[in-house]
């Protein structure tokens, strides 16, 4: 049997692997200019690049919505 690298996600529990993937997606979004807010009343806490000038009127997106939008832009 082939030995797995210590950082291989197959060496992790489902919860650990999910957290690693989520952090990678957060890093991807922030590197593309998305801003993450804290303390919003619902699950919408991402601000699109360019909307940070006026946060009061900015549209907020969920993690999944922001990820989908950014992936479509990158294609």
Protein backbone atom coordinates (compact mmCIF):
# COMPACT_ATOMS: atom_id res chain seq x y z
CA UNK A 1 0.00 0.00 0.00
CA UNK A 2 1.26 3.46 -0.94
CA UNK A 3 2.07 5.78 1.95
CA UNK A 4 0.05 9.04 1.98
CA UNK A 5 1.71 12.41 2.49
CA UNK A 6 0.99 13.84 5.98
CA UNK A 7 -0.89 16.82 4.49
CA UNK A 8 -3.02 14.60 2.21
CA UNK A 9 -6.69 15.32 2.89
CA UNK A 10 -7.39 11.58 2.96
CA UNK A 11 -5.54 11.49 6.30
CA UNK A 12 -8.17 13.83 7.81
CA UNK A 13 -11.62 13.36 9.27
CA UNK A 14 -14.57 14.65 7.28
CA UNK A 15 -14.83 17.71 9.53
CA UNK A 16 -11.11 18.51 9.21
CA UNK A 17 -11.19 18.08 5.41
CA UNK A 18 -14.27 20.31 5.13
CA UNK A 19 -12.59 23.03 7.21
CA UNK A 20 -9.41 22.83 5.07
CA UNK A 21 -11.50 23.21 1.89
CA UNK A 22 -13.49 26.13 3.37
CA UNK A 23 -10.29 27.95 4.36
CA UNK A 24 -8.88 27.42 0.86
CA UNK A 25 -12.06 28.88 -0.66
CA UNK A 26 -11.89 31.87 1.72
CA UNK A 27 -8.28 32.48 0.67
CA UNK A 28 -9.30 32.25 -3.00
CA UNK A 29 -12.08 34.80 -2.56
CA UNK A 30 -10.00 37.27 -0.56
CA UNK A 31 -7.17 37.02 -3.09
CA UNK A 32 -9.68 38.06 -5.77
CA UNK A 33 -10.76 41.15 -3.79
CA UNK A 34 -13.83 39.92 -1.92
CA UNK A 35 -14.22 41.37 1.58
CA UNK A 36 -15.59 39.26 4.42
CA UNK A 37 -17.65 41.03 7.08
CA UNK A 38 -18.41 39.88 10.61
CA UNK A 39 -21.60 40.10 12.62
CA UNK A 40 -24.15 40.15 9.83
CA UNK A 41 -27.63 38.94 10.89
CA UNK A 42 -27.73 36.20 8.24
CA UNK A 43 -25.25 34.09 6.29
CA UNK A 44 -24.54 36.88 3.79
CA UNK A 45 -21.18 38.36 4.68
CA UNK A 46 -19.12 38.77 1.49
CA UNK A 47 -18.83 42.11 -0.32
CA UNK A 48 -17.93 41.99 -4.01
CA UNK A 49 -14.76 43.68 -5.25
CA UNK A 50 -15.45 47.34 -6.01
CA UNK A 51 -18.44 47.61 -3.66
CA UNK A 52 -16.36 48.45 -0.60
CA UNK A 53 -16.55 52.20 -1.20
CA UNK A 54 -20.17 52.31 0.03
CA UNK A 55 -20.75 49.42 2.41
CA UNK A 56 -24.20 50.68 3.48
CA UNK A 57 -25.60 50.07 -0.01
CA UNK A 58 -23.40 47.12 -0.95
CA UNK A 59 -25.04 43.80 -1.80
CA UNK A 60 -23.95 41.02 0.54
CA UNK A 61 -23.41 37.48 -0.71
CA UNK A 62 -23.20 34.08 0.97
CA UNK A 63 -19.99 32.07 0.72
CA UNK A 64 -21.47 29.83 -1.97
CA UNK A 65 -22.87 32.76 -4.00
CA UNK A 66 -19.55 34.61 -3.88
CA UNK A 67 -17.64 31.47 -4.86
CA UNK A 68 -19.97 30.82 -7.81
CA UNK A 69 -19.73 34.43 -9.04
CA UNK A 70 -15.95 34.48 -8.80
CA UNK A 71 -15.52 31.13 -10.54
CA UNK A 72 -17.69 32.37 -13.42
CA UNK A 73 -15.53 35.51 -13.69
CA UNK A 74 -12.33 33.44 -13.74
CA UNK A 75 -13.45 31.20 -16.61
